N, C-alpha and C. Protein backbone atom coordinates (compact mmCIF):
# COMPACT_ATOMS: atom_id res chain seq x y z
N MET A 1 111.21 15.34 -9.64
CA MET A 1 109.32 15.89 -9.46
C MET A 1 109.12 14.65 -10.39
N ILE A 2 107.25 14.65 -9.80
CA ILE A 2 106.73 13.48 -10.40
C ILE A 2 105.48 13.96 -10.23
N TYR A 3 104.58 13.20 -11.20
CA TYR A 3 103.37 13.61 -11.56
C TYR A 3 102.61 12.56 -12.61
N LYS A 4 101.83 11.41 -11.47
CA LYS A 4 101.15 10.43 -12.09
C LYS A 4 102.12 9.08 -12.32
N ASN A 5 103.33 9.36 -11.84
CA ASN A 5 104.38 8.13 -11.72
C ASN A 5 105.24 8.43 -12.83
N GLU A 6 105.21 9.80 -13.48
CA GLU A 6 105.89 10.27 -14.65
C GLU A 6 106.92 11.28 -13.72
N GLU A 7 108.52 10.86 -13.75
CA GLU A 7 109.05 11.89 -13.49
C GLU A 7 109.18 12.67 -14.51
N PHE A 8 109.93 14.09 -14.67
CA PHE A 8 110.05 15.78 -15.29
C PHE A 8 111.31 16.35 -14.41
N LYS A 9 111.74 17.26 -15.12
CA LYS A 9 112.53 18.06 -14.74
C LYS A 9 112.34 19.12 -14.69
N ILE A 10 112.30 20.08 -14.11
CA ILE A 10 111.84 21.44 -14.18
C ILE A 10 113.44 22.77 -15.03
N THR A 11 113.11 23.94 -15.45
CA THR A 11 114.26 24.48 -15.64
C THR A 11 115.05 24.84 -14.17
N ASP A 12 116.56 25.41 -14.60
CA ASP A 12 117.32 25.04 -13.72
C ASP A 12 117.54 26.82 -12.62
N GLU A 13 116.96 27.44 -13.32
CA GLU A 13 116.52 28.87 -12.69
C GLU A 13 116.03 28.84 -11.39
N ILE A 14 116.44 29.80 -10.43
CA ILE A 14 116.19 29.15 -8.98
C ILE A 14 115.92 31.03 -8.17
N ILE A 15 114.77 30.55 -8.18
CA ILE A 15 114.38 32.08 -7.54
C ILE A 15 114.24 31.67 -5.74
N ASP A 16 114.38 32.35 -5.08
CA ASP A 16 114.16 32.48 -3.70
C ASP A 16 113.07 33.16 -2.62
N ILE A 17 112.98 32.78 -1.76
CA ILE A 17 112.66 33.37 -0.36
C ILE A 17 113.68 34.71 0.02
N GLY A 18 113.33 36.13 -0.16
CA GLY A 18 113.93 36.90 -0.18
C GLY A 18 114.52 37.87 -0.97
N TYR A 19 114.28 37.16 -2.28
CA TYR A 19 115.08 37.65 -3.89
C TYR A 19 113.78 38.59 -4.00
N MET A 20 114.60 39.75 -4.98
CA MET A 20 113.19 40.34 -5.80
C MET A 20 112.23 39.67 -6.44
N ALA A 21 111.14 40.23 -6.52
CA ALA A 21 110.38 38.71 -7.82
C ALA A 21 111.11 40.06 -9.33
N GLU A 22 110.64 39.23 -10.08
CA GLU A 22 110.90 39.55 -11.48
C GLU A 22 109.65 40.21 -12.22
N ASP A 23 109.73 41.76 -13.34
CA ASP A 23 108.48 41.94 -13.50
C ASP A 23 108.12 41.08 -15.02
N VAL A 24 107.27 40.32 -15.15
CA VAL A 24 106.96 39.55 -16.25
C VAL A 24 105.57 40.13 -17.29
N ASP A 25 106.38 40.46 -18.88
CA ASP A 25 105.46 40.31 -19.14
C ASP A 25 103.87 38.97 -19.54
N VAL A 26 102.96 38.97 -19.36
CA VAL A 26 102.11 37.85 -19.83
C VAL A 26 101.14 38.60 -21.35
N GLU A 27 100.06 37.49 -21.11
CA GLU A 27 99.15 37.40 -22.28
C GLU A 27 97.78 37.28 -21.47
N ASN A 28 96.78 38.34 -21.87
CA ASN A 28 95.59 38.27 -20.64
C ASN A 28 94.54 37.26 -21.51
N ILE A 29 93.67 36.84 -20.84
CA ILE A 29 92.20 36.19 -20.98
C ILE A 29 91.67 36.37 -22.71
N GLU A 30 91.70 37.81 -22.67
CA GLU A 30 91.81 38.21 -24.01
C GLU A 30 92.59 38.53 -25.06
N GLY A 31 93.36 37.91 -24.39
CA GLY A 31 95.09 38.51 -25.94
C GLY A 31 95.80 39.32 -25.76
N GLN A 32 95.34 40.03 -24.84
CA GLN A 32 96.19 41.49 -24.85
C GLN A 32 97.56 41.18 -23.65
N GLU A 33 98.61 41.84 -24.47
CA GLU A 33 99.92 41.92 -23.23
C GLU A 33 99.87 42.34 -22.18
N PHE A 34 100.52 42.50 -21.16
CA PHE A 34 100.15 43.13 -19.77
C PHE A 34 101.56 42.60 -19.21
N THR A 35 102.86 43.47 -18.81
CA THR A 35 103.32 43.91 -17.49
C THR A 35 102.85 43.45 -16.09
N ILE A 36 103.09 42.75 -15.58
CA ILE A 36 102.69 42.13 -14.04
C ILE A 36 104.13 42.65 -13.50
N LYS A 37 104.38 43.93 -13.05
CA LYS A 37 105.45 44.59 -12.02
C LYS A 37 105.24 43.76 -10.85
N LYS A 38 106.67 43.50 -10.38
CA LYS A 38 107.28 42.78 -9.30
C LYS A 38 106.40 43.88 -8.21
N ALA A 39 106.69 44.56 -7.98
CA ALA A 39 105.50 45.83 -7.01
C ALA A 39 104.51 46.05 -7.26
N SER A 40 103.80 45.81 -6.92
CA SER A 40 102.37 46.25 -7.28
C SER A 40 101.86 47.87 -7.51
N PRO A 41 101.56 48.61 -8.73
CA PRO A 41 101.22 49.61 -8.66
C PRO A 41 100.48 50.25 -7.27
N ASP A 42 99.45 49.66 -6.81
CA ASP A 42 98.47 49.52 -6.28
C ASP A 42 98.98 48.98 -4.48
N ARG A 43 100.89 48.78 -4.21
CA ARG A 43 100.32 48.23 -3.26
C ARG A 43 100.12 47.00 -2.98
N THR A 44 99.93 46.43 -3.53
CA THR A 44 99.10 45.45 -2.42
C THR A 44 100.23 43.70 -3.02
N ILE A 45 99.11 43.51 -2.16
CA ILE A 45 100.62 41.86 -1.91
C ILE A 45 100.01 41.13 -3.42
N GLN A 46 101.01 40.37 -3.66
CA GLN A 46 100.57 39.68 -4.93
C GLN A 46 101.42 38.08 -4.14
N ILE A 47 100.12 37.17 -5.43
CA ILE A 47 100.09 36.09 -5.63
C ILE A 47 100.36 35.16 -6.84
N PHE A 48 101.41 34.97 -6.81
CA PHE A 48 101.35 34.07 -8.75
C PHE A 48 101.88 32.46 -8.53
N ILE A 49 100.61 31.69 -9.03
CA ILE A 49 100.43 30.40 -8.87
C ILE A 49 99.97 30.10 -10.35
N SER A 50 100.71 28.70 -10.36
CA SER A 50 100.76 27.99 -11.83
C SER A 50 100.25 26.22 -11.90
N PHE A 51 99.82 26.01 -12.17
CA PHE A 51 99.77 25.02 -13.22
C PHE A 51 100.30 24.36 -14.69
N PRO A 52 100.36 22.97 -14.72
CA PRO A 52 100.57 22.90 -15.97
C PRO A 52 99.44 22.89 -16.97
N ASN A 53 97.98 22.69 -16.53
CA ASN A 53 96.83 22.74 -17.66
C ASN A 53 95.64 22.68 -16.04
N PHE A 54 94.40 22.89 -16.92
CA PHE A 54 93.44 23.18 -15.70
C PHE A 54 92.92 21.94 -15.43
N GLU A 55 92.45 21.15 -16.96
CA GLU A 55 91.39 19.98 -15.80
C GLU A 55 92.14 19.21 -15.41
N ASP A 56 93.37 18.83 -15.00
CA ASP A 56 93.76 17.47 -14.19
C ASP A 56 94.05 18.97 -12.79
N PHE A 57 93.55 19.99 -12.94
CA PHE A 57 94.48 20.57 -11.23
C PHE A 57 92.62 21.40 -11.29
N LYS A 58 91.70 21.31 -11.83
CA LYS A 58 90.44 22.00 -11.78
C LYS A 58 89.77 21.97 -9.96
N GLU A 59 89.84 21.37 -9.56
CA GLU A 59 89.48 20.93 -8.13
C GLU A 59 89.96 22.25 -7.19
N GLU A 60 91.16 22.00 -7.53
CA GLU A 60 92.18 22.65 -6.58
C GLU A 60 92.65 24.60 -7.12
N ILE A 61 92.83 24.39 -8.23
CA ILE A 61 92.45 25.93 -8.27
C ILE A 61 90.81 26.42 -8.24
N GLU A 62 90.06 25.41 -8.53
CA GLU A 62 88.89 26.46 -7.91
C GLU A 62 88.76 26.68 -6.06
N SER A 63 89.39 25.36 -5.48
CA SER A 63 89.02 25.85 -4.15
C SER A 63 90.33 27.14 -3.47
N PHE A 64 91.02 27.00 -4.70
CA PHE A 64 91.94 28.18 -4.44
C PHE A 64 91.44 29.43 -4.91
N ASP A 65 91.03 29.64 -5.64
CA ASP A 65 90.08 30.95 -6.39
C ASP A 65 88.75 31.22 -4.92
N ASN A 66 88.50 30.25 -4.68
CA ASN A 66 87.45 30.27 -3.19
C ASN A 66 87.81 30.68 -1.89
N PHE A 67 89.02 30.31 -1.51
CA PHE A 67 90.32 30.33 -0.60
C PHE A 67 90.31 32.03 -0.71
N MET A 68 90.74 32.73 -2.03
CA MET A 68 91.01 34.23 -2.71
C MET A 68 90.03 34.72 -2.36
N ASN A 69 88.78 34.53 -2.35
CA ASN A 69 87.74 35.60 -2.57
C ASN A 69 87.20 35.35 -1.46
N ASP A 70 87.54 34.69 0.12
CA ASP A 70 87.34 34.60 1.23
C ASP A 70 87.99 35.60 2.00
N SER A 71 89.38 36.46 0.82
CA SER A 71 90.26 36.93 2.23
C SER A 71 89.58 38.32 2.24
N LYS A 72 89.66 39.15 3.69
CA LYS A 72 89.33 40.12 3.78
C LYS A 72 89.94 41.00 2.89
N VAL A 73 91.44 41.29 2.49
CA VAL A 73 91.76 42.07 2.16
C VAL A 73 92.49 42.07 0.01
N GLU A 74 92.63 43.20 0.43
CA GLU A 74 92.81 43.07 -2.00
C GLU A 74 94.05 42.98 -1.89
N ILE A 75 94.24 40.87 -2.55
CA ILE A 75 95.56 40.66 -3.06
C ILE A 75 95.35 40.29 -4.48
N ASN A 76 96.17 41.04 -5.36
CA ASN A 76 96.12 40.26 -6.60
C ASN A 76 96.69 39.06 -6.82
N THR A 77 96.25 37.55 -7.20
CA THR A 77 96.23 36.99 -7.50
C THR A 77 96.24 36.65 -8.88
N TYR A 78 97.28 35.67 -9.98
CA TYR A 78 97.61 35.64 -11.07
C TYR A 78 97.94 33.96 -11.31
N LEU A 79 96.85 33.84 -12.21
CA LEU A 79 97.07 32.51 -11.97
C LEU A 79 97.39 31.58 -13.42
N PHE A 80 98.78 31.14 -13.78
CA PHE A 80 99.49 31.18 -15.11
C PHE A 80 99.46 29.83 -15.72
N PHE A 81 99.34 30.05 -16.82
CA PHE A 81 99.43 28.44 -17.75
C PHE A 81 100.60 29.06 -19.16
N ASN A 82 101.43 28.57 -19.65
CA ASN A 82 102.07 28.11 -20.17
C ASN A 82 101.95 29.32 -21.92
N LYS A 83 100.37 28.64 -22.12
CA LYS A 83 99.54 29.10 -23.37
C LYS A 83 98.06 29.29 -23.23
N GLU A 84 97.79 29.96 -23.93
CA GLU A 84 96.27 30.20 -23.90
C GLU A 84 95.01 29.17 -24.07
N ILE A 85 94.82 29.13 -23.47
CA ILE A 85 93.48 28.13 -22.73
C ILE A 85 91.87 28.36 -22.46
N GLU A 86 91.25 27.08 -22.85
CA GLU A 86 89.88 27.37 -22.00
C GLU A 86 89.38 27.76 -20.96
N LEU A 87 89.24 28.72 -20.10
CA LEU A 87 89.18 28.99 -18.78
C LEU A 87 87.79 29.17 -18.08
N PRO A 88 86.72 28.40 -17.27
CA PRO A 88 85.74 28.61 -16.83
C PRO A 88 85.79 30.54 -15.81
N LYS A 89 85.07 31.09 -15.97
CA LYS A 89 85.02 32.72 -14.50
C LYS A 89 85.54 32.19 -13.51
N LEU A 90 86.43 32.82 -13.14
CA LEU A 90 86.45 32.67 -11.62
C LEU A 90 86.75 33.88 -10.56
N LYS A 91 86.32 33.69 -9.34
CA LYS A 91 85.55 34.58 -8.93
C LYS A 91 86.96 35.51 -8.75
N ARG A 92 87.59 35.16 -8.41
CA ARG A 92 89.01 36.08 -7.53
C ARG A 92 90.15 36.06 -8.15
N ILE A 93 90.64 34.71 -8.75
CA ILE A 93 92.17 34.39 -9.55
C ILE A 93 92.08 35.64 -10.82
N ILE A 94 92.94 35.72 -11.37
CA ILE A 94 93.03 36.59 -12.95
C ILE A 94 94.25 35.69 -13.70
N PRO A 95 93.22 34.97 -14.23
CA PRO A 95 94.52 34.11 -15.13
C PRO A 95 95.53 34.60 -16.61
N VAL A 96 96.20 34.61 -16.73
CA VAL A 96 97.22 35.44 -17.39
C VAL A 96 98.06 33.88 -18.02
N PHE A 97 98.47 34.12 -19.18
CA PHE A 97 99.24 33.46 -20.46
C PHE A 97 100.41 33.60 -20.38
N ASP A 98 101.89 32.85 -19.93
CA ASP A 98 103.16 32.86 -20.18
C ASP A 98 103.42 32.91 -21.42
N VAL A 99 103.26 33.71 -22.33
CA VAL A 99 103.32 33.39 -24.08
C VAL A 99 104.88 33.61 -24.32
N ASN A 100 105.34 34.40 -23.38
CA ASN A 100 107.24 34.94 -23.72
C ASN A 100 107.86 33.61 -22.87
N ASP A 101 107.46 33.11 -22.46
CA ASP A 101 108.16 32.30 -21.45
C ASP A 101 108.59 32.71 -20.07
N GLU A 102 108.36 33.95 -19.60
CA GLU A 102 109.24 34.53 -18.94
C GLU A 102 108.84 34.12 -17.32
N PHE A 103 108.02 33.78 -17.10
CA PHE A 103 107.31 33.23 -15.61
C PHE A 103 108.23 31.87 -15.32
N GLY A 104 107.88 30.99 -16.54
CA GLY A 104 108.33 29.75 -16.70
C GLY A 104 109.67 29.47 -16.13
N GLU A 105 110.56 31.02 -17.16
CA GLU A 105 112.73 30.26 -16.78
C GLU A 105 112.61 31.46 -15.58
N MET A 106 112.32 32.69 -15.27
CA MET A 106 112.71 33.27 -14.46
C MET A 106 112.42 32.97 -12.98
N TYR A 107 111.14 32.23 -12.83
CA TYR A 107 110.61 31.32 -12.34
C TYR A 107 111.02 30.08 -11.65
N GLY A 108 111.97 29.44 -12.81
CA GLY A 108 111.78 28.19 -12.50
C GLY A 108 111.28 27.44 -12.64
N THR A 109 110.31 27.25 -13.57
CA THR A 109 108.57 26.17 -13.03
C THR A 109 108.66 25.80 -14.56
N LYS A 110 108.88 25.62 -15.08
CA LYS A 110 108.98 25.61 -16.76
C LYS A 110 109.33 24.57 -16.64
N ILE A 111 108.44 23.37 -17.18
CA ILE A 111 108.80 21.85 -17.04
C ILE A 111 109.73 21.93 -18.80
N VAL A 112 111.03 21.20 -18.16
CA VAL A 112 112.01 20.57 -19.29
C VAL A 112 111.82 19.38 -19.77
N SER A 113 111.29 18.42 -19.54
CA SER A 113 111.59 17.33 -20.13
C SER A 113 110.14 16.16 -19.74
N GLY A 114 109.74 15.12 -20.28
CA GLY A 114 108.46 13.80 -20.27
C GLY A 114 107.53 14.67 -20.87
N SER A 115 106.09 13.93 -20.72
CA SER A 115 104.85 14.29 -21.78
C SER A 115 104.37 15.78 -21.45
N MET A 116 105.02 16.61 -20.48
CA MET A 116 104.41 18.07 -19.88
C MET A 116 105.88 19.02 -20.10
N GLU A 117 106.35 18.60 -20.59
CA GLU A 117 107.52 19.54 -21.36
C GLU A 117 106.97 20.75 -22.14
N ASN A 118 107.09 21.77 -21.42
CA ASN A 118 107.22 22.82 -21.82
C ASN A 118 106.06 23.92 -21.29
N LYS A 119 105.38 22.77 -20.09
CA LYS A 119 104.05 23.42 -19.29
C LYS A 119 104.98 23.81 -18.02
N LEU A 120 103.67 25.08 -17.62
CA LEU A 120 104.13 24.91 -16.20
C LEU A 120 103.80 24.23 -14.79
N THR A 121 104.90 23.50 -14.45
CA THR A 121 104.62 23.17 -12.91
C THR A 121 103.82 23.36 -11.83
N LYS A 122 102.91 23.13 -11.01
CA LYS A 122 102.55 23.85 -9.88
C LYS A 122 103.19 24.72 -9.03
N ALA A 123 102.50 25.28 -8.52
CA ALA A 123 103.89 26.48 -7.82
C ALA A 123 103.49 27.62 -7.59
N LEU A 124 103.90 28.17 -6.24
CA LEU A 124 102.66 29.26 -5.71
C LEU A 124 104.09 30.21 -5.03
N PHE A 125 103.75 31.86 -5.40
CA PHE A 125 104.53 32.62 -4.96
C PHE A 125 104.12 33.59 -4.34
N ILE A 126 104.14 33.85 -2.95
CA ILE A 126 103.69 35.12 -1.85
C ILE A 126 105.22 36.54 -2.35
N ILE A 127 104.67 36.90 -2.92
CA ILE A 127 105.02 38.45 -3.17
C ILE A 127 104.44 39.47 -2.24
N GLY A 128 105.10 40.45 -1.53
CA GLY A 128 104.74 41.71 -0.51
C GLY A 128 105.19 42.20 -1.68
N LYS A 129 104.75 43.84 -0.87
CA LYS A 129 104.35 44.90 -1.25
C LYS A 129 105.49 45.43 -2.01
N ASP A 130 106.63 45.80 -1.52
CA ASP A 130 107.75 45.53 -2.05
C ASP A 130 108.20 45.53 -3.08
N GLY A 131 107.77 44.20 -3.15
CA GLY A 131 108.19 43.13 -4.41
C GLY A 131 109.06 42.05 -4.22
N ALA A 132 109.46 42.08 -2.86
CA ALA A 132 110.42 40.93 -2.61
C ALA A 132 109.37 39.76 -2.29
N ILE A 133 109.75 38.60 -2.60
CA ILE A 133 109.84 36.78 -2.10
C ILE A 133 109.13 36.95 -0.71
N TYR A 134 108.05 36.18 -0.41
CA TYR A 134 107.86 35.88 0.91
C TYR A 134 108.09 34.46 1.75
N HIS A 135 107.30 33.88 0.44
CA HIS A 135 106.77 32.38 0.32
C HIS A 135 106.95 31.73 -1.29
N ILE A 136 107.70 30.47 -0.94
CA ILE A 136 107.54 29.51 -2.66
C ILE A 136 106.95 28.56 -1.93
N ASP A 137 106.18 27.38 -2.63
CA ASP A 137 106.09 26.37 -2.35
C ASP A 137 105.93 25.87 -4.24
N ILE A 138 106.48 24.85 -4.49
CA ILE A 138 106.61 23.80 -5.26
C ILE A 138 106.90 22.57 -4.95
N PRO A 139 105.27 21.91 -5.23
CA PRO A 139 105.64 20.16 -4.43
C PRO A 139 106.30 19.52 -5.27
N GLU A 140 107.06 18.30 -5.21
CA GLU A 140 108.00 17.85 -5.62
C GLU A 140 107.08 16.81 -6.41
N ASP A 141 105.86 16.24 -6.05
CA ASP A 141 104.96 15.54 -6.52
C ASP A 141 103.55 16.17 -6.90
N LEU A 142 103.53 16.53 -8.16
CA LEU A 142 101.99 17.39 -8.18
C LEU A 142 100.69 16.90 -7.90
N GLU A 143 100.62 15.44 -7.73
CA GLU A 143 98.86 15.36 -7.02
C GLU A 143 99.44 15.28 -5.36
N LYS A 144 100.45 15.73 -4.81
CA LYS A 144 99.77 16.41 -3.50
C LYS A 144 99.60 18.42 -3.91
N PRO A 145 98.17 18.07 -2.87
CA PRO A 145 97.68 19.79 -2.83
C PRO A 145 98.94 20.74 -2.74
N LEU A 146 98.87 21.74 -3.21
CA LEU A 146 99.64 22.90 -2.18
C LEU A 146 99.19 22.97 -0.46
N ASP A 147 100.25 23.21 -0.04
CA ASP A 147 99.82 23.62 1.71
C ASP A 147 99.18 24.78 2.10
N MET A 148 97.77 24.53 2.16
CA MET A 148 96.75 25.80 2.05
C MET A 148 97.20 26.61 3.71
N GLU A 149 97.15 25.57 4.49
CA GLU A 149 97.29 25.99 6.13
C GLU A 149 98.49 26.75 6.24
N ARG A 150 99.67 26.95 5.60
CA ARG A 150 101.40 27.43 5.73
C ARG A 150 100.91 28.57 4.76
N VAL A 151 100.00 28.37 3.36
CA VAL A 151 99.36 30.34 3.30
C VAL A 151 98.96 30.84 3.64
N ARG A 152 97.66 30.51 4.84
CA ARG A 152 97.23 30.91 5.04
C ARG A 152 98.15 31.90 6.19
N VAL A 153 98.86 31.03 6.89
CA VAL A 153 100.17 31.60 7.84
C VAL A 153 101.06 32.38 7.34
N GLU A 154 101.28 32.51 6.20
CA GLU A 154 102.29 33.04 5.48
C GLU A 154 102.14 34.45 4.82
N LEU A 155 100.24 34.60 4.87
CA LEU A 155 99.79 35.48 4.04
C LEU A 155 99.46 36.45 5.12
N ASN A 156 99.39 36.17 6.20
CA ASN A 156 99.18 36.77 7.17
C ASN A 156 100.48 37.26 7.67
N LYS A 157 101.44 36.55 7.61
CA LYS A 157 102.60 37.50 8.26
C LYS A 157 103.32 38.32 7.27
N VAL A 158 102.73 38.58 5.64
CA VAL A 158 103.05 39.34 4.94
C VAL A 158 102.55 40.77 5.03
N TYR A 159 100.96 40.17 5.71
CA TYR A 159 99.82 41.39 6.01
C TYR A 159 100.55 41.77 6.58
N GLN A 160 101.15 40.84 8.46
CA GLN A 160 101.40 42.04 9.62
C GLN A 160 102.32 42.83 9.46
N SER A 161 103.28 42.10 8.22
CA SER A 161 104.35 42.86 8.49
C SER A 161 104.62 43.92 8.08
N TYR A 162 103.26 44.43 7.34
CA TYR A 162 102.72 45.91 6.93
C TYR A 162 102.01 47.17 8.14
N THR A 163 100.76 46.27 8.79
CA THR A 163 99.70 45.96 9.31
C THR A 163 99.90 46.26 10.70
N GLY A 164 100.04 44.75 10.79
CA GLY A 164 100.14 44.14 12.23
C GLY A 164 98.66 43.76 12.69
N VAL A 165 97.69 43.84 11.11
CA VAL A 165 96.77 42.35 11.48
C VAL A 165 96.82 41.59 10.37
N GLY A 166 95.91 41.06 10.65
CA GLY A 166 96.04 39.37 9.38
C GLY A 166 95.16 39.40 9.04
N CYS A 167 95.39 39.13 7.20
CA CYS A 167 94.12 38.79 6.32
C CYS A 167 93.29 37.85 5.88
N HIS A 168 93.38 36.65 7.34
CA HIS A 168 92.59 35.82 7.65
C HIS A 168 92.19 35.37 8.55
N GLY A 169 92.17 36.84 9.08
CA GLY A 169 90.70 36.75 10.57
C GLY A 169 91.49 35.90 11.46
């Protein structure tokens, strides 16, 4: 993996499409711990997205927040960072902090070498209402944005698998 010409490695743990997601204990922006269940209690689709920090990926995060805000259906979208950081108010995305290293280890997103060691790599997971993982995007080059057209297609596929109707029109 690479970011700004620096190579780095992520943890070996591999979670794959079709696997059941894992419950993750996190901390919210108020510092309270809670568990994100693999199948959300209100039976909504979930997105887990992570980045090494906010500053370097601000535009992409804000663009993703606007994309989620335009969704016609309720999708629980969690933005993971490895530790508590200052963040601006986001419209739709829920920021959480992986203070117990659970997301980084179980989802294979923890950076284990280089100047960003212990941070989380850029990654996106779409999890269906049943708790199964439908889509994963972990770019090799962090300067390359997430494939939003593919995310739109995959979200519609997940949503249609339950209702027969798309969620992004």
